[in-house]
Amino acid sequence: MDQFVFAAEVVLNGLMTGVMYALVALGFVLIFKASGVFNYAQGVLALFAAMTLVSIQNGQVPFAHLINAALGTQIHHFGWTVPAALAIALTALVMVGLAFLIEKLVLQHLVGQEPIILFMATIGLAYFLEGLGDVMWGADIKTLDVGLPQGISGGIEAATAQWFGYGFFIDRLDLWATLIAVVLVAALVAFAQYTKQGRAMRAVADDHQAALSVGISLRFIWVMVWSIAGFVALVAGIMWGTKSGVQFSLSLIALKALPVLMLGGFTSIPGAIVGGLIIGVGEKLFEFTIGPMVGGATETWFAYVLALIFLVFRPQGLFGERIIERV
């Protein structure tokens, strides 16, 4: 009975972790549906959004290190702080502006190019944004607090202690992340399936030139999609930054999103959520059951082994579209 209760707690925590993975994977799916390319820069977008948010909150002067070095000053802050809601809104505007710049300076020059060219462009974009964030806001570890509840949920602990004789330790931040992810996914699915812009996005993913020939504005679609992906990155950055601090390693969450996409499918928004939940629960249960037998630390590689198995037997993922090319 005790093992069953412990396993139930592990599953719940795995579901919460899986939602966090899915939040990052959503940005990849959106870009892939619009351009047919894996956006290597999505993890760095989450890092850049989180760095911008916490810096706006604290009233930090952008490029302070360069300004002080050039002018011999010691100015680092404006002397005020910004409320969390306003800071989030301003950061969202920054991400929309970044989407315009990406389309203007990068994407519009790559219309009709092979997917590998677009993929290489996102690699360059990732390293550029990473360096820009460090120069703009500094490379020190930052603490992000937007007012989301944190700590163990007393209600769940008390309820499970009454039911099972053991209180589950569930972080309230994970509960909020789950709620936000459900709302976000529902909105994105409705947008992609039932709006004119969503259908245009799918048309652009199929063929850039054909979409242009029927009057679809490729520039508008790419700006729109990168803006939405930037907002999703902002939400993911808030959750992960609040949980573990805003630091360079935040950009590496993109690596965990890759097996999520392989399981769920690169073109499916619901698949990103299902894949995230499978990875989250799977790695926690595997660590709980098999980890002690092999010395632990299985969470670092379980997701990739599972993704490799899927690549062998179902390469399009659970919800992905099977692509058939005639020779």
C-alpha atoms as a PDB file:
ATOM      1  CA  MET A   1       0.000   0.000   0.000  1.00  0.00           C
ATOM      2  CA  ASP A   2       2.821   2.378   0.879  1.00  0.00           C
ATOM      3  CA  GLN A   3       4.507   1.773  -2.476  1.00  0.00           C
ATOM      4  CA  PHE A   4       1.244   2.453  -4.294  1.00  0.00           C
ATOM      5  CA  VAL A   5       0.789   5.763  -2.451  1.00  0.00           C
ATOM      6  CA  PHE A   6       4.376   6.798  -3.149  1.00  0.00           C
ATOM      7  CA  ALA A   7       3.947   5.865  -6.819  1.00  0.00           C
ATOM      8  CA  ALA A   8       0.753   7.963  -7.005  1.00  0.00           C
ATOM      9  CA  GLU A   9       2.666  10.965  -5.679  1.00  0.00           C
ATOM     10  CA  VAL A  10       5.418  10.347  -8.227  1.00  0.00           C
ATOM     11  CA  VAL A  11       2.832  10.231 -11.037  1.00  0.00           C
ATOM     12  CA  LEU A  12       1.259  13.518  -9.927  1.00  0.00           C
ATOM     13  CA  ASN A  13       4.636  15.244  -9.799  1.00  0.00           C
ATOM     14  CA  GLY A  14       5.469  13.735 -13.186  1.00  0.00           C
ATOM     15  CA  LEU A  15       2.277  15.185 -14.668  1.00  0.00           C
ATOM     16  CA  MET A  16       3.217  18.625 -13.360  1.00  0.00           C
ATOM     17  CA  THR A  17       6.742  18.330 -14.769  1.00  0.00           C
ATOM     18  CA  GLY A  18       5.332  17.133 -18.073  1.00  0.00           C
ATOM     19  CA  VAL A  19       3.198  20.251 -18.370  1.00  0.00           C
ATOM     20  CA  MET A  20       6.319  22.379 -17.965  1.00  0.00           C
ATOM     21  CA  TYR A  21       8.004  20.424 -20.782  1.00  0.00           C
ATOM     22  CA  ALA A  22       4.902  20.813 -22.938  1.00  0.00           C
ATOM     23  CA  LEU A  23       4.903  24.596 -22.513  1.00  0.00           C
ATOM     24  CA  VAL A  24       8.299  24.737 -24.193  1.00  0.00           C
ATOM     25  CA  ALA A  25       7.337  22.200 -26.866  1.00  0.00           C
ATOM     26  CA  LEU A  26       4.338  24.330 -27.884  1.00  0.00           C
ATOM     27  CA  GLY A  27       6.604  27.033 -29.269  1.00  0.00           C
ATOM     28  CA  PHE A  28       8.432  24.488 -31.417  1.00  0.00           C
ATOM     29  CA  VAL A  29       5.150  23.133 -32.807  1.00  0.00           C
ATOM     30  CA  LEU A  30       3.885  26.596 -33.764  1.00  0.00           C
ATOM     31  CA  ILE A  31       7.037  27.490 -35.699  1.00  0.00           C
ATOM     32  CA  PHE A  32       7.181  24.071 -37.361  1.00  0.00           C
ATOM     33  CA  LYS A  33       3.532  24.312 -38.481  1.00  0.00           C
ATOM     34  CA  ALA A  34       4.202  27.699 -40.090  1.00  0.00           C
ATOM     35  CA  SER A  35       7.603  27.106 -41.657  1.00  0.00           C
ATOM     36  CA  GLY A  36       8.261  23.366 -41.606  1.00  0.00           C
ATOM     37  CA  VAL A  37      11.506  23.853 -39.677  1.00  0.00           C
ATOM     38  CA  PHE A  38      12.643  22.957 -36.178  1.00  0.00           C
ATOM     39  CA  ASN A  39      13.221  26.248 -34.347  1.00  0.00           C
ATOM     40  CA  TYR A  40      16.456  25.747 -32.448  1.00  0.00           C
ATOM     41  CA  ALA A  41      16.079  29.204 -30.895  1.00  0.00           C
ATOM     42  CA  GLN A  42      12.891  28.455 -28.928  1.00  0.00           C
ATOM     43  CA  GLY A  43      14.727  27.674 -25.694  1.00  0.00           C
ATOM     44  CA  VAL A  44      16.759  30.871 -26.011  1.00  0.00           C
ATOM     45  CA  LEU A  45      13.528  32.805 -26.637  1.00  0.00           C
ATOM     46  CA  ALA A  46      12.297  31.568 -23.243  1.00  0.00           C
ATOM     47  CA  LEU A  47      15.578  32.652 -21.648  1.00  0.00           C
ATOM     48  CA  PHE A  48      15.521  36.062 -23.352  1.00  0.00           C
ATOM     49  CA  ALA A  49      11.872  36.643 -22.363  1.00  0.00           C
ATOM     50  CA  ALA A  50      12.555  35.730 -18.739  1.00  0.00           C
ATOM     51  CA  MET A  51      15.666  37.947 -18.588  1.00  0.00           C
ATOM     52  CA  THR A  52      13.748  40.857 -20.113  1.00  0.00           C
ATOM     53  CA  LEU A  53      10.835  40.396 -17.702  1.00  0.00           C
ATOM     54  CA  VAL A  54      12.896  40.318 -14.523  1.00  0.00           C
ATOM     55  CA  SER A  55      15.036  43.245 -15.701  1.00  0.00           C
ATOM     56  CA  ILE A  56      11.960  45.376 -16.491  1.00  0.00           C
ATOM     57  CA  GLN A  57      10.524  44.465 -13.093  1.00  0.00           C
ATOM     58  CA  ASN A  58      13.687  45.608 -11.323  1.00  0.00           C
ATOM     59  CA  GLY A  59      14.050  48.771 -13.408  1.00  0.00           C
ATOM     60  CA  GLN A  60      17.413  47.688 -14.826  1.00  0.00           C
ATOM     61  CA  VAL A  61      19.050  49.873 -17.461  1.00  0.00           C
ATOM     62  CA  PRO A  62      19.586  47.910 -20.712  1.00  0.00           C
ATOM     63  CA  PHE A  63      23.178  47.693 -21.943  1.00  0.00           C
ATOM     64  CA  ALA A  64      24.289  49.201 -18.624  1.00  0.00           C
ATOM     65  CA  HIS A  65      27.724  47.573 -18.795  1.00  0.00           C
ATOM     66  CA  LEU A  66      28.436  49.005 -22.243  1.00  0.00           C
ATOM     67  CA  ILE A  67      27.128  52.450 -21.304  1.00  0.00           C
ATOM     68  CA  ASN A  68      29.189  52.568 -18.120  1.00  0.00           C
ATOM     69  CA  ALA A  69      32.311  51.362 -19.922  1.00  0.00           C
ATOM     70  CA  ALA A  70      31.891  53.962 -22.681  1.00  0.00           C
ATOM     71  CA  LEU A  71      30.918  56.941 -20.499  1.00  0.00           C
ATOM     72  CA  GLY A  72      32.660  56.082 -17.251  1.00  0.00           C
ATOM     73  CA  THR A  73      29.375  56.122 -15.310  1.00  0.00           C
ATOM     74  CA  GLN A  74      28.003  53.740 -12.685  1.00  0.00           C
ATOM     75  CA  ILE A  75      24.340  53.602 -13.681  1.00  0.00           C
ATOM     76  CA  HIS A  76      22.650  50.226 -13.393  1.00  0.00           C
ATOM     77  CA  HIS A  77      19.031  50.937 -12.436  1.00  0.00           C
ATOM     78  CA  PHE A  78      16.462  53.612 -13.185  1.00  0.00           C
ATOM     79  CA  GLY A  79      15.489  53.799  -9.522  1.00  0.00           C
ATOM     80  CA  TRP A  80      12.003  52.307  -9.793  1.00  0.00           C
ATOM     81  CA  THR A  81      10.320  48.912  -9.948  1.00  0.00           C
ATOM     82  CA  VAL A  82       7.514  47.845 -12.271  1.00  0.00           C
ATOM     83  CA  PRO A  83       4.456  45.812 -11.143  1.00  0.00           C
ATOM     84  CA  ALA A  84       4.462  42.217 -12.383  1.00  0.00           C
ATOM     85  CA  ALA A  85       1.367  42.555 -14.615  1.00  0.00           C
ATOM     86  CA  LEU A  86       2.721  45.653 -16.370  1.00  0.00           C
ATOM     87  CA  ALA A  87       6.163  44.060 -16.720  1.00  0.00           C
ATOM     88  CA  ILE A  88       4.621  40.978 -18.351  1.00  0.00           C
ATOM     89  CA  ALA A  89       2.668  43.175 -20.783  1.00  0.00           C
ATOM     90  CA  LEU A  90       5.797  45.171 -21.685  1.00  0.00           C
ATOM     91  CA  THR A  91       7.796  41.971 -22.160  1.00  0.00           C
ATOM     92  CA  ALA A  92       5.070  40.608 -24.453  1.00  0.00           C
ATOM     93  CA  LEU A  93       5.399  43.780 -26.554  1.00  0.00           C
ATOM     94  CA  VAL A  94       9.161  43.249 -26.677  1.00  0.00           C
ATOM     95  CA  MET A  95       8.623  39.695 -27.945  1.00  0.00           C
ATOM     96  CA  VAL A  96       6.226  40.962 -30.647  1.00  0.00           C
ATOM     97  CA  GLY A  97       8.818  43.563 -31.686  1.00  0.00           C
ATOM     98  CA  LEU A  98      11.440  40.819 -31.770  1.00  0.00           C
ATOM     99  CA  ALA A  99       9.169  38.791 -34.063  1.00  0.00           C
ATOM    100  CA  PHE A 100       8.952  41.745 -36.480  1.00  0.00           C
ATOM    101  CA  LEU A 101      12.736  42.076 -36.501  1.00  0.00           C
ATOM    102  CA  ILE A 102      13.252  38.341 -37.060  1.00  0.00           C
ATOM    103  CA  GLU A 103      10.878  38.400 -40.016  1.00  0.00           C
ATOM    104  CA  LYS A 104      12.368  41.584 -41.472  1.00  0.00           C
ATOM    105  CA  LEU A 105      16.048  40.749 -41.051  1.00  0.00           C
ATOM    106  CA  VAL A 106      16.066  36.960 -41.400  1.00  0.00           C
ATOM    107  CA  LEU A 107      12.952  35.187 -42.635  1.00  0.00           C
ATOM    108  CA  GLN A 108      11.956  37.353 -45.592  1.00  0.00           C
ATOM    109  CA  HIS A 109      15.335  36.641 -47.191  1.00  0.00           C
ATOM    110  CA  LEU A 110      14.806  32.882 -46.891  1.00  0.00           C
ATOM    111  CA  VAL A 111      11.434  32.438 -48.613  1.00  0.00           C
ATOM    112  CA  GLY A 112      11.432  29.218 -50.636  1.00  0.00           C
ATOM    113  CA  GLN A 113      14.720  27.981 -49.216  1.00  0.00           C
ATOM    114  CA  GLU A 114      15.299  24.407 -48.113  1.00  0.00           C
ATOM    115  CA  PRO A 115      14.304  23.565 -44.503  1.00  0.00           C
ATOM    116  CA  ILE A 116      17.958  22.948 -43.582  1.00  0.00           C
ATOM    117  CA  ILE A 117      18.730  26.581 -44.461  1.00  0.00           C
ATOM    118  CA  LEU A 118      15.947  27.804 -42.178  1.00  0.00           C
ATOM    119  CA  PHE A 119      17.143  25.452 -39.434  1.00  0.00           C
ATOM    120  CA  MET A 120      20.687  26.821 -39.679  1.00  0.00           C
ATOM    121  CA  ALA A 121      19.242  30.333 -39.491  1.00  0.00           C
ATOM    122  CA  THR A 122      17.515  29.480 -36.194  1.00  0.00           C
ATOM    123  CA  ILE A 123      20.806  28.142 -34.810  1.00  0.00           C
ATOM    124  CA  GLY A 124      22.491  31.450 -35.614  1.00  0.00           C
ATOM    125  CA  LEU A 125      19.511  33.312 -34.166  1.00  0.00           C
ATOM    126  CA  ALA A 126      19.751  31.315 -30.936  1.00  0.00           C
ATOM    127  CA  TYR A 127      23.395  32.219 -30.340  1.00  0.00           C
ATOM    128  CA  PHE A 128      22.764  35.849 -31.298  1.00  0.00           C
ATOM    129  CA  LEU A 129      19.839  36.205 -28.853  1.00  0.00           C
ATOM    130  CA  GLU A 130      21.808  34.489 -26.126  1.00  0.00           C
ATOM    131  CA  GLY A 131      24.661  36.947 -26.530  1.00  0.00           C
ATOM    132  CA  LEU A 132      22.266  39.881 -26.862  1.00  0.00           C
ATOM    133  CA  GLY A 133      20.549  38.936 -23.613  1.00  0.00           C
ATOM    134  CA  ASP A 134      23.864  38.737 -21.768  1.00  0.00           C
ATOM    135  CA  VAL A 135      25.046  42.101 -23.113  1.00  0.00           C
ATOM    136  CA  MET A 136      21.671  43.759 -22.628  1.00  0.00           C
ATOM    137  CA  TRP A 137      20.781  42.530 -19.148  1.00  0.00           C
ATOM    138  CA  GLY A 138      23.941  40.900 -17.744  1.00  0.00           C
ATOM    139  CA  ALA A 139      24.852  37.249 -17.296  1.00  0.00           C
ATOM    140  CA  ASP A 140      24.265  37.005 -13.518  1.00  0.00           C
ATOM    141  CA  ILE A 141      21.611  34.649 -12.124  1.00  0.00           C
ATOM    142  CA  LYS A 142      18.341  36.497 -11.523  1.00  0.00           C
ATOM    143  CA  THR A 143      15.409  35.711  -9.233  1.00  0.00           C
ATOM    144  CA  LEU A 144      12.019  35.953 -10.918  1.00  0.00           C
ATOM    145  CA  ASP A 145       8.860  36.560  -8.886  1.00  0.00           C
ATOM    146  CA  VAL A 146       5.593  37.533 -10.580  1.00  0.00           C
ATOM    147  CA  GLY A 147       3.398  36.699  -7.617  1.00  0.00           C
ATOM    148  CA  LEU A 148       2.613  33.079  -8.470  1.00  0.00           C
ATOM    149  CA  PRO A 149       2.048  30.933  -5.356  1.00  0.00           C
ATOM    150  CA  GLN A 150       4.952  28.674  -4.505  1.00  0.00           C
ATOM    151  CA  GLY A 151       5.653  26.000  -1.936  1.00  0.00           C
ATOM    152  CA  ILE A 152       3.845  22.829  -0.955  1.00  0.00           C
ATOM    153  CA  SER A 153       0.064  22.859  -1.352  1.00  0.00           C
ATOM    154  CA  GLY A 154      -1.323  22.535   2.156  1.00  0.00           C
ATOM    155  CA  GLY A 155      -4.774  21.590   0.884  1.00  0.00           C
ATOM    156  CA  ILE A 156      -3.535  18.651  -1.179  1.00  0.00           C
ATOM    157  CA  GLU A 157      -1.194  17.540   1.592  1.00  0.00           C
ATOM    158  CA  ALA A 158      -4.012  17.560   4.153  1.00  0.00           C
ATOM    159  CA  ALA A 159      -6.506  15.839   1.833  1.00  0.00           C
ATOM    160  CA  THR A 160      -4.132  13.053   0.807  1.00  0.00           C
ATOM    161  CA  ALA A 161      -3.018  12.582   4.418  1.00  0.00           C
ATOM    162  CA  GLN A 162      -6.668  12.041   5.356  1.00  0.00           C
ATOM    163  CA  TRP A 163      -7.319   9.653   2.438  1.00  0.00           C
ATOM    164  CA  PHE A 164      -4.079   7.656   2.340  1.00  0.00           C
ATOM    165  CA  GLY A 165      -2.380   8.403   5.653  1.00  0.00           C
ATOM    166  CA  TYR A 166       0.404  10.175   3.768  1.00  0.00           C
ATOM    167  CA  GLY A 167       0.445  13.786   2.575  1.00  0.00           C
ATOM    168  CA  PHE A 168       1.482  14.354  -1.057  1.00  0.00           C
ATOM    169  CA  PHE A 169       4.084  17.078  -1.642  1.00  0.00           C
ATOM    170  CA  ILE A 170       2.775  18.993  -4.663  1.00  0.00           C
ATOM    171  CA  ASP A 171       4.199  22.420  -5.515  1.00  0.00           C
ATOM    172  CA  ARG A 172       1.536  25.115  -5.967  1.00  0.00           C
ATOM    173  CA  LEU A 173       3.581  26.606  -8.796  1.00  0.00           C
ATOM    174  CA  ASP A 174       3.200  23.341 -10.709  1.00  0.00           C
ATOM    175  CA  LEU A 175      -0.564  23.456 -10.167  1.00  0.00           C
ATOM    176  CA  TRP A 176      -0.708  26.990 -11.590  1.00  0.00           C
ATOM    177  CA  ALA A 177       1.483  25.946 -14.515  1.00  0.00           C
ATOM    178  CA  THR A 178      -0.947  23.111 -15.274  1.00  0.00           C
ATOM    179  CA  LEU A 179      -3.944  25.450 -15.231  1.00  0.00           C
ATOM    180  CA  ILE A 180      -2.226  28.039 -17.426  1.00  0.00           C
ATOM    181  CA  ALA A 181      -1.044  25.374 -19.878  1.00  0.00           C
ATOM    182  CA  VAL A 182      -4.574  23.945 -20.238  1.00  0.00           C
ATOM    183  CA  VAL A 183      -6.000  27.383 -21.024  1.00  0.00           C
ATOM    184  CA  LEU A 184      -3.143  28.188 -23.414  1.00  0.00           C
ATOM    185  CA  VAL A 185      -3.425  24.907 -25.289  1.00  0.00           C
ATOM    186  CA  ALA A 186      -7.204  25.208 -25.629  1.00  0.00           C
ATOM    187  CA  ALA A 187      -6.801  28.712 -27.053  1.00  0.00           C
ATOM    188  CA  LEU A 188      -4.073  27.636 -29.501  1.00  0.00           C
ATOM    189  CA  VAL A 189      -6.040  24.611 -30.725  1.00  0.00           C
ATOM    190  CA  ALA A 190      -9.118  26.767 -31.300  1.00  0.00           C
ATOM    191  CA  PHE A 191      -7.009  29.367 -33.092  1.00  0.00           C
ATOM    192  CA  ALA A 192      -5.307  26.844 -35.393  1.00  0.00           C
ATOM    193  CA  GLN A 193      -8.497  24.950 -36.281  1.00  0.00           C
ATOM    194  CA  TYR A 194     -11.261  27.548 -36.420  1.00  0.00           C
ATOM    195  CA  THR A 195      -9.766  30.867 -37.523  1.00  0.00           C
ATOM    196  CA  LYS A 196      -8.818  32.149 -40.947  1.00  0.00           C
ATOM    197  CA  GLN A 197      -5.311  32.963 -39.726  1.00  0.00           C
ATOM    198  CA  GLY A 198      -4.919  29.432 -38.366  1.00  0.00           C
ATOM    199  CA  ARG A 199      -5.828  27.895 -41.715  1.00  0.00           C
ATOM    200  CA  ALA A 200      -3.460  30.293 -43.466  1.00  0.00           C
ATOM    201  CA  MET A 201      -0.716  29.181 -41.069  1.00  0.00           C
ATOM    202  CA  ARG A 202      -1.211  25.550 -42.101  1.00  0.00           C
ATOM    203  CA  ALA A 203      -1.169  26.540 -45.777  1.00  0.00           C
ATOM    204  CA  VAL A 204       2.155  28.331 -45.341  1.00  0.00           C
ATOM    205  CA  ALA A 205       3.579  25.223 -43.680  1.00  0.00           C
ATOM    206  CA  ASP A 206       2.622  23.089 -46.685  1.00  0.00           C
ATOM    207  CA  ASP A 207       4.106  25.321 -49.412  1.00  0.00           C
ATOM    208  CA  HIS A 208       5.460  28.884 -49.146  1.00  0.00           C
ATOM    209  CA  GLN A 209       5.187  29.645 -52.845  1.00  0.00           C
ATOM    210  CA  ALA A 210       1.689  28.187 -53.203  1.00  0.00           C
ATOM    211  CA  ALA A 211       0.502  30.190 -50.198  1.00  0.00           C
ATOM    212  CA  LEU A 212       1.887  33.367 -51.755  1.00  0.00           C
ATOM    213  CA  SER A 213       0.177  32.586 -55.066  1.00  0.00           C
ATOM    214  CA  VAL A 214      -3.290  32.529 -53.447  1.00  0.00           C
ATOM    215  CA  GLY A 215      -2.795  35.829 -51.679  1.00  0.00           C
ATOM    216  CA  ILE A 216      -1.632  34.742 -48.229  1.00  0.00           C
ATOM    217  CA  SER A 217       0.807  37.236 -46.738  1.00  0.00           C
ATOM    218  CA  LEU A 218       3.836  35.205 -45.755  1.00  0.00           C
ATOM    219  CA  ARG A 219       5.237  38.130 -43.800  1.00  0.00           C
ATOM    220  CA  PHE A 220       2.060  38.494 -41.713  1.00  0.00           C
ATOM    221  CA  ILE A 221       1.873  34.766 -40.978  1.00  0.00           C
ATOM    222  CA  TRP A 222       5.512  34.531 -39.896  1.00  0.00           C
ATOM    223  CA  VAL A 223       5.282  37.634 -37.696  1.00  0.00           C
ATOM    224  CA  MET A 224       2.075  36.311 -36.161  1.00  0.00           C
ATOM    225  CA  VAL A 225       3.485  32.848 -35.496  1.00  0.00           C
ATOM    226  CA  TRP A 226       6.775  34.105 -34.095  1.00  0.00           C
ATOM    227  CA  SER A 227       4.836  36.538 -31.892  1.00  0.00           C
ATOM    228  CA  ILE A 228       2.685  33.712 -30.534  1.00  0.00           C
ATOM    229  CA  ALA A 229       5.761  31.519 -30.087  1.00  0.00           C
ATOM    230  CA  GLY A 230       7.419  34.420 -28.269  1.00  0.00           C
ATOM    231  CA  PHE A 231       4.426  34.706 -25.929  1.00  0.00           C
ATOM    232  CA  VAL A 232       4.507  30.942 -25.302  1.00  0.00           C
ATOM    233  CA  ALA A 233       8.250  31.272 -24.602  1.00  0.00           C
ATOM    234  CA  LEU A 234       7.445  34.087 -22.162  1.00  0.00           C
ATOM    235  CA  VAL A 235       4.967  31.878 -20.286  1.00  0.00           C
ATOM    236  CA  ALA A 236       7.456  28.993 -20.212  1.00  0.00           C
ATOM    237  CA  GLY A 237      10.221  31.372 -19.129  1.00  0.00           C
ATOM    238  CA  ILE A 238       8.061  32.644 -16.265  1.00  0.00           C
ATOM    239  CA  MET A 239       7.332  29.135 -15.020  1.00  0.00           C
ATOM    240  CA  TRP A 240      10.865  27.766 -15.347  1.00  0.00           C
ATOM    241  CA  GLY A 241      12.486  31.024 -14.238  1.00  0.00           C
ATOM    242  CA  THR A 242      10.312  31.165 -11.123  1.00  0.00           C
ATOM    243  CA  LYS A 243      11.083  27.540 -10.382  1.00  0.00           C
ATOM    244  CA  SER A 244      14.846  27.469 -10.901  1.00  0.00           C
ATOM    245  CA  GLY A 245      16.001  31.078 -11.437  1.00  0.00           C
ATOM    246  CA  VAL A 246      16.771  32.949 -14.640  1.00  0.00           C
ATOM    247  CA  GLN A 247      20.151  31.714 -15.831  1.00  0.00           C
ATOM    248  CA  PHE A 248      21.886  30.300 -18.905  1.00  0.00           C
ATOM    249  CA  SER A 249      20.693  26.747 -18.229  1.00  0.00           C
ATOM    250  CA  LEU A 250      17.122  27.933 -18.839  1.00  0.00           C
ATOM    251  CA  SER A 251      17.818  27.837 -22.582  1.00  0.00           C
ATOM    252  CA  LEU A 252      18.699  24.140 -22.324  1.00  0.00           C
ATOM    253  CA  ILE A 253      15.071  23.220 -21.632  1.00  0.00           C
ATOM    254  CA  ALA A 254      14.803  23.099 -25.425  1.00  0.00           C
ATOM    255  CA  LEU A 255      16.780  19.854 -25.310  1.00  0.00           C
ATOM    256  CA  LYS A 256      14.092  18.261 -23.125  1.00  0.00           C
ATOM    257  CA  ALA A 257      11.399  19.480 -25.495  1.00  0.00           C
ATOM    258  CA  LEU A 258      12.935  17.503 -28.379  1.00  0.00           C
ATOM    259  CA  PRO A 259      11.873  14.032 -27.135  1.00  0.00           C
ATOM    260  CA  VAL A 260       8.476  15.512 -26.265  1.00  0.00           C
ATOM    261  CA  LEU A 261       8.070  16.538 -29.907  1.00  0.00           C
ATOM    262  CA  MET A 262       9.248  13.143 -31.164  1.00  0.00           C
ATOM    263  CA  LEU A 263       6.557  11.453 -29.092  1.00  0.00           C
ATOM    264  CA  GLY A 264       3.709  13.857 -29.768  1.00  0.00           C
ATOM    265  CA  GLY A 265       4.543  14.844 -33.327  1.00  0.00           C
ATOM    266  CA  PHE A 266       6.080  18.048 -34.655  1.00  0.00           C
ATOM    267  CA  THR A 267       2.814  19.294 -36.166  1.00  0.00           C
ATOM    268  CA  SER A 268       0.350  18.626 -33.344  1.00  0.00           C
ATOM    269  CA  ILE A 269      -0.464  21.079 -30.556  1.00  0.00           C
ATOM    270  CA  PRO A 270      -2.328  18.450 -28.470  1.00  0.00           C
ATOM    271  CA  GLY A 271       0.554  16.085 -29.223  1.00  0.00           C
ATOM    272  CA  ALA A 272       2.973  18.450 -27.495  1.00  0.00           C
ATOM    273  CA  ILE A 273       0.877  18.235 -24.339  1.00  0.00           C
ATOM    274  CA  VAL A 274       0.443  14.453 -24.466  1.00  0.00           C
ATOM    275  CA  GLY A 275       4.139  13.970 -25.239  1.00  0.00           C
ATOM    276  CA  GLY A 276       5.107  16.221 -22.350  1.00  0.00           C
ATOM    277  CA  LEU A 277       2.894  14.290 -19.938  1.00  0.00           C
ATOM    278  CA  ILE A 278       4.270  10.946 -21.121  1.00  0.00           C
ATOM    279  CA  ILE A 279       7.867  12.131 -20.714  1.00  0.00           C
ATOM    280  CA  GLY A 280       7.178  13.771 -17.351  1.00  0.00           C
ATOM    281  CA  VAL A 281       5.398  10.768 -15.825  1.00  0.00           C
ATOM    282  CA  GLY A 282       7.661   8.232 -17.526  1.00  0.00           C
ATOM    283  CA  GLU A 283      10.940   9.679 -16.300  1.00  0.00           C
ATOM    284  CA  LYS A 284       9.634  10.066 -12.724  1.00  0.00           C
ATOM    285  CA  LEU A 285       8.227   6.518 -12.583  1.00  0.00           C
ATOM    286  CA  PHE A 286      11.346   5.066 -14.195  1.00  0.00           C
ATOM    287  CA  GLU A 287      13.528   6.825 -11.629  1.00  0.00           C
ATOM    288  CA  PHE A 288      11.232   5.615  -8.833  1.00  0.00           C
ATOM    289  CA  THR A 289      11.125   1.963  -9.937  1.00  0.00           C
ATOM    290  CA  ILE A 290      14.326   1.282 -11.883  1.00  0.00           C
ATOM    291  CA  GLY A 291      16.581   4.090 -10.679  1.00  0.00           C
ATOM    292  CA  PRO A 292      17.594   2.455  -7.371  1.00  0.00           C
ATOM    293  CA  MET A 293      18.657  -0.701  -9.246  1.00  0.00           C
ATOM    294  CA  VAL A 294      21.034   1.125 -11.602  1.00  0.00           C
ATOM    295  CA  GLY A 295      22.405   3.794  -9.311  1.00  0.00           C
ATOM    296  CA  GLY A 296      19.864   6.551 -10.085  1.00  0.00           C
ATOM    297  CA  ALA A 297      20.191   9.569 -12.407  1.00  0.00           C
ATOM    298  CA  THR A 298      17.940   7.933 -15.002  1.00  0.00           C
ATOM    299  CA  GLU A 299      15.907  11.138 -15.530  1.00  0.00           C
ATOM    300  CA  THR A 300      18.742  12.614 -17.600  1.00  0.00           C
ATOM    301  CA  TRP A 301      18.532   9.948 -20.325  1.00  0.00           C
ATOM    302  CA  PHE A 302      15.154   8.185 -20.078  1.00  0.00           C
ATOM    303  CA  ALA A 303      13.349  10.702 -22.347  1.00  0.00           C
ATOM    304  CA  TYR A 304      15.914  10.331 -25.123  1.00  0.00           C
ATOM    305  CA  VAL A 305      15.838   6.519 -25.046  1.00  0.00           C
ATOM    306  CA  LEU A 306      12.028   6.601 -25.265  1.00  0.00           C
ATOM    307  CA  ALA A 307      12.226   9.081 -28.151  1.00  0.00           C
ATOM    308  CA  LEU A 308      14.723   6.798 -29.939  1.00  0.00           C
ATOM    309  CA  ILE A 309      12.286   3.886 -29.657  1.00  0.00           C
ATOM    310  CA  PHE A 310       9.527   6.039 -31.147  1.00  0.00           C
ATOM    311  CA  LEU A 311      11.792   7.088 -34.005  1.00  0.00           C
ATOM    312  CA  VAL A 312      12.296   3.429 -34.900  1.00  0.00           C
ATOM    313  CA  PHE A 313       8.657   2.291 -34.724  1.00  0.00           C
ATOM    314  CA  ARG A 314       6.598   5.465 -35.253  1.00  0.00           C
ATOM    315  CA  PRO A 315       8.796   8.302 -36.547  1.00  0.00           C
ATOM    316  CA  GLN A 316       5.874  10.719 -37.077  1.00  0.00           C
ATOM    317  CA  GLY A 317       4.937  10.536 -33.371  1.00  0.00           C
ATOM    318  CA  LEU A 318       1.563   9.781 -31.804  1.00  0.00           C
ATOM    319  CA  PHE A 319      -0.293  12.697 -33.398  1.00  0.00           C
ATOM    320  CA  GLY A 320       2.053  13.702 -36.201  1.00  0.00           C
ATOM    321  CA  GLU A 321       1.213  13.553 -39.883  1.00  0.00           C
ATOM    322  CA  ARG A 322       2.798  10.800 -41.948  1.00  0.00           C
ATOM    323  CA  ILE A 323       4.602  12.449 -44.849  1.00  0.00           C
ATOM    324  CA  ILE A 324       4.596  10.504 -48.130  1.00  0.00           C
ATOM    325  CA  GLU A 325       6.788  11.779 -50.947  1.00  0.00           C
ATOM    326  CA  ARG A 326       6.497  10.416 -54.463  1.00  0.00           C
ATOM    327  CA  VAL A 327       9.715   9.883 -56.354  1.00  0.00           C
END
